[in-house]
Amino acid sequence: MNFQEPLSGLFERIARAIERLGPREPEGPDFAAGEAFVWQAEAEGFQPVKDVNRVPLSLLKGIDQMRDTLLVNTVRFAKGLPANNALLWGARGMGKSSLVKAVHQEVAGLKLVEIHREDLASLPHLLAHLREAPRHRFILYCDDLSFEALDTSYKSLKAVLEGGIEGRPANVLFYATSNRRHLMPREMVENERSTAINPGEAVEEKLSLSDRFGLWIGFHNCSQDDYLEMVRGYAEHYRLGIADGPLREEALAWALGRGSRSGRVAWQYIQDLAGRLGTKL
């Protein structure tokens, strides 16, 4: 009898079974699963965000120049034209992060990927995934970016923004928000300059990080008129049905109680007002 034929078939089936049991090549990220993602550094994965926490661009009042600058830059990027990384810096609660998310919603065809500041050291791994998805264009976004004295994670970001052999992939644009123009506390800069043997060199490396953002978009504390415009814009959008006189009086009292005027304070007042009126936002 010829046992060669049956044995070869048996060996082939065994080989296929072993192959199925063995480790598989990891699948690439599925960027078709959503329009926004959060980078998970430890697992090297992208968590889709079903409902992004944001407001429409039309509701962001008192920041017209900042809005137009970022929107034009983003539209250029979406069209495949040259565009700059952007640092949105300045006063708290004035809509820096809200603007990034609203612009992403306004400009079709872009994926938004958020990376947490504490995960910046994993940037090379994140960018490797995005580089392998050239069919998509990404806005890589980091909220509340800043660095302390002993923090070295800025080096990963510095190489991505401009330096390094590979640099930033052509399909990636980096947007960051910060309360600090130079991403470091003022006292830290002054302390290093006063105590270092070479004061200029001691802070130059960290200060040069912010210089690598092509766009600096500054946000400043709003005036009373801007604050009231924000409040009125929210009230009209959500149809809260309150007369302008009481709205103005209440909104100013709310701001006085908080000790500041900003877009965040305006939104917090609107939430309180809507709750009292029994209206869902």
C-alpha atoms as a PDB file:
ATOM      1  CA  MET A   1       0.000   0.000   0.000  1.00  0.00           C
ATOM      2  CA  ASN A   2       1.078   3.561  -0.665  1.00  0.00           C
ATOM      3  CA  PHE A   3       1.115   5.360   2.713  1.00  0.00           C
ATOM      4  CA  GLN A   4       2.953   8.423   1.360  1.00  0.00           C
ATOM      5  CA  GLU A   5      -0.183  10.256   0.190  1.00  0.00           C
ATOM      6  CA  PRO A   6      -2.220   9.931   3.428  1.00  0.00           C
ATOM      7  CA  LEU A   7       0.800  10.798   5.607  1.00  0.00           C
ATOM      8  CA  SER A   8       1.592  13.960   3.653  1.00  0.00           C
ATOM      9  CA  GLY A   9      -2.010  15.137   4.014  1.00  0.00           C
ATOM     10  CA  LEU A  10      -1.922  14.403   7.744  1.00  0.00           C
ATOM     11  CA  PHE A  11       1.323  16.353   8.197  1.00  0.00           C
ATOM     12  CA  GLU A  12      -0.160  19.291   6.292  1.00  0.00           C
ATOM     13  CA  ARG A  13      -3.227  19.364   8.549  1.00  0.00           C
ATOM     14  CA  ILE A  14      -1.024  19.195  11.644  1.00  0.00           C
ATOM     15  CA  ALA A  15       1.090  22.072  10.358  1.00  0.00           C
ATOM     16  CA  ARG A  16      -2.002  24.218   9.723  1.00  0.00           C
ATOM     17  CA  ALA A  17      -3.332  23.456  13.218  1.00  0.00           C
ATOM     18  CA  ILE A  18      -0.031  24.455  14.818  1.00  0.00           C
ATOM     19  CA  GLU A  19      -0.015  27.654  12.793  1.00  0.00           C
ATOM     20  CA  ARG A  20      -3.489  28.538  14.041  1.00  0.00           C
ATOM     21  CA  LEU A  21      -2.418  27.945  17.640  1.00  0.00           C
ATOM     22  CA  GLY A  22       0.720  30.048  17.322  1.00  0.00           C
ATOM     23  CA  PRO A  23       1.016  33.799  17.975  1.00  0.00           C
ATOM     24  CA  ARG A  24      -0.582  35.981  15.345  1.00  0.00           C
ATOM     25  CA  GLU A  25       0.737  39.212  13.930  1.00  0.00           C
ATOM     26  CA  PRO A  26      -0.996  42.106  15.709  1.00  0.00           C
ATOM     27  CA  GLU A  27      -3.605  43.816  13.600  1.00  0.00           C
ATOM     28  CA  GLY A  28      -3.214  47.500  12.854  1.00  0.00           C
ATOM     29  CA  PRO A  29      -5.562  50.080  14.375  1.00  0.00           C
ATOM     30  CA  ASP A  30      -9.017  50.354  12.839  1.00  0.00           C
ATOM     31  CA  PHE A  31      -9.317  54.081  12.188  1.00  0.00           C
ATOM     32  CA  ALA A  32     -12.612  53.494  10.384  1.00  0.00           C
ATOM     33  CA  ALA A  33     -14.128  52.778  13.815  1.00  0.00           C
ATOM     34  CA  GLY A  34     -14.618  56.470  14.570  1.00  0.00           C
ATOM     35  CA  GLU A  35     -13.613  60.069  14.004  1.00  0.00           C
ATOM     36  CA  ALA A  36     -11.900  60.589  17.370  1.00  0.00           C
ATOM     37  CA  PHE A  37      -9.617  58.380  19.462  1.00  0.00           C
ATOM     38  CA  VAL A  38      -7.677  58.404  22.720  1.00  0.00           C
ATOM     39  CA  TRP A  39      -4.161  56.945  22.595  1.00  0.00           C
ATOM     40  CA  GLN A  40      -3.616  54.229  25.203  1.00  0.00           C
ATOM     41  CA  ALA A  41       0.130  54.166  25.689  1.00  0.00           C
ATOM     42  CA  GLU A  42       0.482  50.993  27.748  1.00  0.00           C
ATOM     43  CA  ALA A  43      -1.492  48.856  25.308  1.00  0.00           C
ATOM     44  CA  GLU A  44      -0.335  50.817  22.257  1.00  0.00           C
ATOM     45  CA  GLY A  45      -3.944  51.084  21.140  1.00  0.00           C
ATOM     46  CA  PHE A  46      -6.476  53.676  20.024  1.00  0.00           C
ATOM     47  CA  GLN A  47      -9.750  53.833  21.948  1.00  0.00           C
ATOM     48  CA  PRO A  48     -12.584  55.190  19.749  1.00  0.00           C
ATOM     49  CA  VAL A  49     -14.613  58.028  21.282  1.00  0.00           C
ATOM     50  CA  LYS A  50     -18.270  57.708  20.351  1.00  0.00           C
ATOM     51  CA  ASP A  51     -19.441  61.122  21.574  1.00  0.00           C
ATOM     52  CA  VAL A  52     -16.789  63.840  21.741  1.00  0.00           C
ATOM     53  CA  ASN A  53     -17.339  66.368  24.530  1.00  0.00           C
ATOM     54  CA  ARG A  54     -17.555  69.598  22.510  1.00  0.00           C
ATOM     55  CA  VAL A  55     -19.715  72.536  21.483  1.00  0.00           C
ATOM     56  CA  PRO A  56     -20.381  73.814  17.944  1.00  0.00           C
ATOM     57  CA  LEU A  57     -17.890  76.310  16.557  1.00  0.00           C
ATOM     58  CA  SER A  58     -20.636  78.936  16.244  1.00  0.00           C
ATOM     59  CA  LEU A  59     -21.072  78.983  20.041  1.00  0.00           C
ATOM     60  CA  LEU A  60     -17.473  80.018  20.730  1.00  0.00           C
ATOM     61  CA  LYS A  61     -17.812  83.775  21.183  1.00  0.00           C
ATOM     62  CA  GLY A  62     -15.184  86.445  21.769  1.00  0.00           C
ATOM     63  CA  ILE A  63     -12.344  84.487  20.128  1.00  0.00           C
ATOM     64  CA  ASP A  64     -13.008  85.287  16.480  1.00  0.00           C
ATOM     65  CA  GLN A  65      -9.393  85.922  15.485  1.00  0.00           C
ATOM     66  CA  MET A  66      -8.135  82.781  17.210  1.00  0.00           C
ATOM     67  CA  ARG A  67     -10.954  80.752  15.653  1.00  0.00           C
ATOM     68  CA  ASP A  68     -10.240  81.982  12.134  1.00  0.00           C
ATOM     69  CA  THR A  69      -6.486  81.391  12.436  1.00  0.00           C
ATOM     70  CA  LEU A  70      -6.841  77.790  13.590  1.00  0.00           C
ATOM     71  CA  LEU A  71      -9.673  77.031  11.167  1.00  0.00           C
ATOM     72  CA  VAL A  72      -7.729  78.255   8.116  1.00  0.00           C
ATOM     73  CA  ASN A  73      -4.660  76.265   9.164  1.00  0.00           C
ATOM     74  CA  THR A  74      -6.755  73.113   9.646  1.00  0.00           C
ATOM     75  CA  VAL A  75      -8.535  73.461   6.311  1.00  0.00           C
ATOM     76  CA  ARG A  76      -5.170  73.722   4.556  1.00  0.00           C
ATOM     77  CA  PHE A  77      -4.000  70.553   6.246  1.00  0.00           C
ATOM     78  CA  ALA A  78      -7.203  68.721   5.287  1.00  0.00           C
ATOM     79  CA  LYS A  79      -6.569  69.682   1.649  1.00  0.00           C
ATOM     80  CA  GLY A  80      -3.038  68.280   1.763  1.00  0.00           C
ATOM     81  CA  LEU A  81      -1.437  71.745   1.762  1.00  0.00           C
ATOM     82  CA  PRO A  82       1.375  72.883   4.087  1.00  0.00           C
ATOM     83  CA  ALA A  83       0.158  73.713   7.598  1.00  0.00           C
ATOM     84  CA  ASN A  84       1.734  74.487  10.968  1.00  0.00           C
ATOM     85  CA  ASN A  85       1.655  72.772  14.338  1.00  0.00           C
ATOM     86  CA  ALA A  86      -0.205  75.070  16.735  1.00  0.00           C
ATOM     87  CA  LEU A  87       0.173  76.001  20.397  1.00  0.00           C
ATOM     88  CA  LEU A  88      -2.967  77.542  21.901  1.00  0.00           C
ATOM     89  CA  TRP A  89      -1.843  79.271  25.093  1.00  0.00           C
ATOM     90  CA  GLY A  90      -3.166  81.759  27.602  1.00  0.00           C
ATOM     91  CA  ALA A  91      -5.984  82.444  30.040  1.00  0.00           C
ATOM     92  CA  ARG A  92      -7.841  79.558  31.650  1.00  0.00           C
ATOM     93  CA  GLY A  93     -11.359  78.788  30.550  1.00  0.00           C
ATOM     94  CA  MET A  94     -11.244  80.847  27.351  1.00  0.00           C
ATOM     95  CA  GLY A  95     -11.984  77.979  24.977  1.00  0.00           C
ATOM     96  CA  LYS A  96      -8.582  76.658  23.899  1.00  0.00           C
ATOM     97  CA  SER A  97      -9.461  72.968  24.036  1.00  0.00           C
ATOM     98  CA  SER A  98     -13.044  73.674  22.968  1.00  0.00           C
ATOM     99  CA  LEU A  99     -11.727  75.393  19.841  1.00  0.00           C
ATOM    100  CA  VAL A 100      -9.560  72.428  18.840  1.00  0.00           C
ATOM    101  CA  LYS A 101     -12.469  70.005  19.162  1.00  0.00           C
ATOM    102  CA  ALA A 102     -14.926  72.351  17.428  1.00  0.00           C
ATOM    103  CA  VAL A 103     -12.583  72.942  14.498  1.00  0.00           C
ATOM    104  CA  HIS A 104     -12.138  69.197  14.089  1.00  0.00           C
ATOM    105  CA  GLN A 105     -15.926  68.849  13.900  1.00  0.00           C
ATOM    106  CA  GLU A 106     -16.114  71.679  11.352  1.00  0.00           C
ATOM    107  CA  VAL A 107     -13.461  70.337   8.962  1.00  0.00           C
ATOM    108  CA  ALA A 108     -14.474  67.063   7.327  1.00  0.00           C
ATOM    109  CA  GLY A 109     -12.110  64.183   6.675  1.00  0.00           C
ATOM    110  CA  LEU A 110      -9.819  64.433   9.708  1.00  0.00           C
ATOM    111  CA  LYS A 111      -9.270  62.045  12.598  1.00  0.00           C
ATOM    112  CA  LEU A 112      -8.700  63.503  16.084  1.00  0.00           C
ATOM    113  CA  VAL A 113      -6.281  61.599  18.338  1.00  0.00           C
ATOM    114  CA  GLU A 114      -5.771  62.757  21.926  1.00  0.00           C
ATOM    115  CA  ILE A 115      -2.579  61.942  23.798  1.00  0.00           C
ATOM    116  CA  HIS A 116      -2.304  62.651  27.515  1.00  0.00           C
ATOM    117  CA  ARG A 117       0.638  64.729  28.661  1.00  0.00           C
ATOM    118  CA  GLU A 118       1.966  61.926  30.847  1.00  0.00           C
ATOM    119  CA  ASP A 119       2.154  59.652  27.779  1.00  0.00           C
ATOM    120  CA  LEU A 120       4.370  61.918  25.666  1.00  0.00           C
ATOM    121  CA  ALA A 121       7.310  59.532  26.017  1.00  0.00           C
ATOM    122  CA  SER A 122       5.312  57.061  23.882  1.00  0.00           C
ATOM    123  CA  LEU A 123       4.998  59.526  20.984  1.00  0.00           C
ATOM    124  CA  PRO A 124       7.386  57.621  18.681  1.00  0.00           C
ATOM    125  CA  HIS A 125       5.222  54.484  18.984  1.00  0.00           C
ATOM    126  CA  LEU A 126       2.017  56.446  18.397  1.00  0.00           C
ATOM    127  CA  LEU A 127       3.420  58.152  15.313  1.00  0.00           C
ATOM    128  CA  ALA A 128       4.611  54.834  13.911  1.00  0.00           C
ATOM    129  CA  HIS A 129       0.967  53.712  13.825  1.00  0.00           C
ATOM    130  CA  LEU A 130      -0.235  56.946  12.215  1.00  0.00           C
ATOM    131  CA  ARG A 131       2.547  56.854   9.646  1.00  0.00           C
ATOM    132  CA  GLU A 132       1.317  53.414   8.576  1.00  0.00           C
ATOM    133  CA  ALA A 133      -2.169  54.834   7.843  1.00  0.00           C
ATOM    134  CA  PRO A 134      -1.414  57.314   5.021  1.00  0.00           C
ATOM    135  CA  ARG A 135      -5.020  57.221   3.764  1.00  0.00           C
ATOM    136  CA  HIS A 136      -6.088  59.163   6.868  1.00  0.00           C
ATOM    137  CA  ARG A 137      -5.072  62.616   8.082  1.00  0.00           C
ATOM    138  CA  PHE A 138      -4.762  63.140  11.839  1.00  0.00           C
ATOM    139  CA  ILE A 139      -4.861  66.007  14.278  1.00  0.00           C
ATOM    140  CA  LEU A 140      -2.798  64.851  17.240  1.00  0.00           C
ATOM    141  CA  TYR A 141      -3.995  66.778  20.273  1.00  0.00           C
ATOM    142  CA  CYS A 142      -2.558  67.278  23.769  1.00  0.00           C
ATOM    143  CA  ASP A 143      -4.530  69.284  26.312  1.00  0.00           C
ATOM    144  CA  ASP A 144      -2.936  71.277  29.141  1.00  0.00           C
ATOM    145  CA  LEU A 145       0.629  70.700  27.986  1.00  0.00           C
ATOM    146  CA  SER A 146       3.338  71.822  30.416  1.00  0.00           C
ATOM    147  CA  PHE A 147       6.631  70.632  31.870  1.00  0.00           C
ATOM    148  CA  GLU A 148       8.194  70.769  35.296  1.00  0.00           C
ATOM    149  CA  ALA A 149      11.843  71.031  36.318  1.00  0.00           C
ATOM    150  CA  LEU A 150      12.779  67.335  36.227  1.00  0.00           C
ATOM    151  CA  ASP A 151      10.492  66.392  33.353  1.00  0.00           C
ATOM    152  CA  THR A 152      12.332  65.000  30.306  1.00  0.00           C
ATOM    153  CA  SER A 153       9.349  63.880  28.230  1.00  0.00           C
ATOM    154  CA  TYR A 154       9.553  67.143  26.280  1.00  0.00           C
ATOM    155  CA  LYS A 155      12.443  65.630  24.342  1.00  0.00           C
ATOM    156  CA  SER A 156      10.108  63.189  22.575  1.00  0.00           C
ATOM    157  CA  LEU A 157       7.837  66.036  21.537  1.00  0.00           C
ATOM    158  CA  LYS A 158      10.745  68.227  20.447  1.00  0.00           C
ATOM    159  CA  ALA A 159      12.003  65.601  18.010  1.00  0.00           C
ATOM    160  CA  VAL A 160       8.516  65.122  16.580  1.00  0.00           C
ATOM    161  CA  LEU A 161       7.856  68.829  16.006  1.00  0.00           C
ATOM    162  CA  GLU A 162      10.946  69.494  13.971  1.00  0.00           C
ATOM    163  CA  GLY A 163      14.114  67.624  14.808  1.00  0.00           C
ATOM    164  CA  GLY A 164      14.881  63.927  14.574  1.00  0.00           C
ATOM    165  CA  ILE A 165      15.536  61.771  11.541  1.00  0.00           C
ATOM    166  CA  GLU A 166      11.909  60.885  10.763  1.00  0.00           C
ATOM    167  CA  GLY A 167      10.192  63.952  12.186  1.00  0.00           C
ATOM    168  CA  ARG A 168       6.444  64.408  11.966  1.00  0.00           C
ATOM    169  CA  PRO A 169       4.597  62.243   9.429  1.00  0.00           C
ATOM    170  CA  ALA A 170       3.075  64.185   6.539  1.00  0.00           C
ATOM    171  CA  ASN A 171      -0.417  63.020   7.543  1.00  0.00           C
ATOM    172  CA  VAL A 172      -0.157  64.310  11.131  1.00  0.00           C
ATOM    173  CA  LEU A 173      -0.619  67.815  12.578  1.00  0.00           C
ATOM    174  CA  PHE A 174       0.043  68.524  16.265  1.00  0.00           C
ATOM    175  CA  TYR A 175      -2.173  70.880  18.304  1.00  0.00           C
ATOM    176  CA  ALA A 176      -1.533  71.572  21.990  1.00  0.00           C
ATOM    177  CA  THR A 177      -3.147  73.791  24.603  1.00  0.00           C
ATOM    178  CA  SER A 178      -1.358  75.279  27.584  1.00  0.00           C
ATOM    179  CA  ASN A 179      -1.765  78.020  30.158  1.00  0.00           C
ATOM    180  CA  ARG A 180       1.948  78.773  29.707  1.00  0.00           C
ATOM    181  CA  ARG A 181       3.409  80.404  26.624  1.00  0.00           C
ATOM    182  CA  HIS A 182       6.763  78.658  27.038  1.00  0.00           C
ATOM    183  CA  LEU A 183       5.265  75.478  28.545  1.00  0.00           C
ATOM    184  CA  MET A 184       7.215  75.967  31.783  1.00  0.00           C
ATOM    185  CA  PRO A 185       6.390  77.899  34.963  1.00  0.00           C
ATOM    186  CA  ARG A 186       7.954  81.370  35.010  1.00  0.00           C
ATOM    187  CA  GLU A 187       9.630  80.752  38.382  1.00  0.00           C
ATOM    188  CA  MET A 188      11.365  77.682  36.995  1.00  0.00           C
ATOM    189  CA  VAL A 189      12.832  79.652  34.093  1.00  0.00           C
ATOM    190  CA  GLU A 190      14.025  82.448  36.393  1.00  0.00           C
ATOM    191  CA  ASN A 191      15.467  79.996  38.926  1.00  0.00           C
ATOM    192  CA  GLU A 192      17.485  78.095  36.315  1.00  0.00           C
ATOM    193  CA  ARG A 193      18.801  81.317  34.825  1.00  0.00           C
ATOM    194  CA  SER A 194      19.917  82.602  38.207  1.00  0.00           C
ATOM    195  CA  THR A 195      21.588  79.409  39.472  1.00  0.00           C
ATOM    196  CA  ALA A 196      23.087  77.766  36.386  1.00  0.00           C
ATOM    197  CA  ILE A 197      26.745  78.074  35.429  1.00  0.00           C
ATOM    198  CA  ASN A 198      25.650  78.838  31.866  1.00  0.00           C
ATOM    199  CA  PRO A 199      22.226  80.432  32.464  1.00  0.00           C
ATOM    200  CA  GLY A 200      21.391  80.849  28.790  1.00  0.00           C
ATOM    201  CA  GLU A 201      22.163  77.255  27.913  1.00  0.00           C
ATOM    202  CA  ALA A 202      20.332  75.911  30.965  1.00  0.00           C
ATOM    203  CA  VAL A 203      16.890  76.928  29.731  1.00  0.00           C
ATOM    204  CA  GLU A 204      17.441  77.242  25.992  1.00  0.00           C
ATOM    205  CA  GLU A 205      16.645  73.597  25.263  1.00  0.00           C
ATOM    206  CA  LYS A 206      13.266  73.723  26.995  1.00  0.00           C
ATOM    207  CA  LEU A 207      12.321  77.186  25.790  1.00  0.00           C
ATOM    208  CA  SER A 208      13.073  76.220  22.201  1.00  0.00           C
ATOM    209  CA  LEU A 209      10.283  73.639  22.341  1.00  0.00           C
ATOM    210  CA  SER A 210       7.559  76.279  22.100  1.00  0.00           C
ATOM    211  CA  ASP A 211       9.450  77.920  19.226  1.00  0.00           C
ATOM    212  CA  ARG A 212       8.907  74.786  17.172  1.00  0.00           C
ATOM    213  CA  PHE A 213       5.185  75.422  16.974  1.00  0.00           C
ATOM    214  CA  GLY A 214       4.614  77.353  13.775  1.00  0.00           C
ATOM    215  CA  LEU A 215       1.479  78.976  15.188  1.00  0.00           C
ATOM    216  CA  TRP A 216       1.209  80.636  18.585  1.00  0.00           C
ATOM    217  CA  ILE A 217      -2.432  81.508  19.244  1.00  0.00           C
ATOM    218  CA  GLY A 218      -2.866  83.582  22.407  1.00  0.00           C
ATOM    219  CA  PHE A 219      -6.018  83.688  24.541  1.00  0.00           C
ATOM    220  CA  HIS A 220      -6.561  86.536  26.982  1.00  0.00           C
ATOM    221  CA  ASN A 221      -9.063  87.285  29.732  1.00  0.00           C
ATOM    222  CA  CYS A 222     -12.347  88.429  28.234  1.00  0.00           C
ATOM    223  CA  SER A 223     -14.091  91.734  28.741  1.00  0.00           C
ATOM    224  CA  GLN A 224     -17.513  92.069  30.308  1.00  0.00           C
ATOM    225  CA  ASP A 225     -19.074  92.551  26.868  1.00  0.00           C
ATOM    226  CA  ASP A 226     -17.416  89.377  25.534  1.00  0.00           C
ATOM    227  CA  TYR A 227     -18.565  87.436  28.580  1.00  0.00           C
ATOM    228  CA  LEU A 228     -22.165  88.589  28.143  1.00  0.00           C
ATOM    229  CA  GLU A 229     -22.014  87.738  24.437  1.00  0.00           C
ATOM    230  CA  MET A 230     -21.021  84.189  25.374  1.00  0.00           C
ATOM    231  CA  VAL A 231     -23.891  83.927  27.852  1.00  0.00           C
ATOM    232  CA  ARG A 232     -26.423  85.265  25.349  1.00  0.00           C
ATOM    233  CA  GLY A 233     -25.127  82.933  22.651  1.00  0.00           C
ATOM    234  CA  TYR A 234     -25.643  79.886  24.865  1.00  0.00           C
ATOM    235  CA  ALA A 235     -29.062  81.082  26.065  1.00  0.00           C
ATOM    236  CA  GLU A 236     -30.304  81.620  22.506  1.00  0.00           C
ATOM    237  CA  HIS A 237     -28.870  78.355  21.211  1.00  0.00           C
ATOM    238  CA  TYR A 238     -30.550  76.303  23.935  1.00  0.00           C
ATOM    239  CA  ARG A 239     -33.737  78.416  23.888  1.00  0.00           C
ATOM    240  CA  LEU A 240     -33.746  79.066  27.595  1.00  0.00           C
ATOM    241  CA  GLY A 241     -36.455  81.711  27.271  1.00  0.00           C
ATOM    242  CA  ILE A 242     -35.168  84.318  29.730  1.00  0.00           C
ATOM    243  CA  ALA A 243     -35.362  88.073  29.158  1.00  0.00           C
ATOM    244  CA  ASP A 244     -32.113  89.890  28.501  1.00  0.00           C
ATOM    245  CA  GLY A 245     -32.328  92.056  31.630  1.00  0.00           C
ATOM    246  CA  PRO A 246     -32.507  89.231  34.168  1.00  0.00           C
ATOM    247  CA  LEU A 247     -30.026  87.192  32.111  1.00  0.00           C
ATOM    248  CA  ARG A 248     -27.469  90.010  32.193  1.00  0.00           C
ATOM    249  CA  GLU A 249     -27.957  90.655  35.907  1.00  0.00           C
ATOM    250  CA  GLU A 250     -27.690  87.012  36.878  1.00  0.00           C
ATOM    251  CA  ALA A 251     -24.685  86.336  34.618  1.00  0.00           C
ATOM    252  CA  LEU A 252     -22.719  89.279  36.037  1.00  0.00           C
ATOM    253  CA  ALA A 253     -23.536  88.215  39.605  1.00  0.00           C
ATOM    254  CA  TRP A 254     -22.389  84.689  38.782  1.00  0.00           C
ATOM    255  CA  ALA A 255     -19.077  85.954  37.402  1.00  0.00           C
ATOM    256  CA  LEU A 256     -18.586  88.191  40.426  1.00  0.00           C
ATOM    257  CA  GLY A 257     -19.096  85.197  42.695  1.00  0.00           C
ATOM    258  CA  ARG A 258     -16.500  83.221  40.764  1.00  0.00           C
ATOM    259  CA  GLY A 259     -14.054  86.124  40.686  1.00  0.00           C
ATOM    260  CA  SER A 260     -13.487  85.836  36.933  1.00  0.00           C
ATOM    261  CA  ARG A 261     -15.071  86.098  33.502  1.00  0.00           C
ATOM    262  CA  SER A 262     -14.416  83.442  30.875  1.00  0.00           C
ATOM    263  CA  GLY A 263     -16.126  81.079  28.480  1.00  0.00           C
ATOM    264  CA  ARG A 264     -15.989  78.352  31.122  1.00  0.00           C
ATOM    265  CA  VAL A 265     -17.691  80.585  33.712  1.00  0.00           C
ATOM    266  CA  ALA A 266     -20.346  81.533  31.134  1.00  0.00           C
ATOM    267  CA  TRP A 267     -21.059  77.847  30.441  1.00  0.00           C
ATOM    268  CA  GLN A 268     -21.222  77.027  34.152  1.00  0.00           C
ATOM    269  CA  TYR A 269     -23.792  79.791  34.644  1.00  0.00           C
ATOM    270  CA  ILE A 270     -25.844  78.484  31.699  1.00  0.00           C
ATOM    271  CA  GLN A 271     -25.820  74.994  33.215  1.00  0.00           C
ATOM    272  CA  ASP A 272     -27.088  76.395  36.494  1.00  0.00           C
ATOM    273  CA  LEU A 273     -29.747  78.452  34.713  1.00  0.00           C
ATOM    274  CA  ALA A 274     -30.934  75.514  32.614  1.00  0.00           C
ATOM    275  CA  GLY A 275     -31.173  73.344  35.731  1.00  0.00           C
ATOM    276  CA  ARG A 276     -33.322  75.930  37.470  1.00  0.00           C
ATOM    277  CA  LEU A 277     -35.534  76.237  34.408  1.00  0.00           C
ATOM    278  CA  GLY A 278     -35.842  72.478  34.037  1.00  0.00           C
ATOM    279  CA  THR A 279     -34.311  72.546  30.551  1.00  0.00           C
ATOM    280  CA  LYS A 280     -31.947  69.869  29.243  1.00  0.00           C
ATOM    281  CA  LEU A 281     -28.849  71.027  27.373  1.00  0.00           C
END
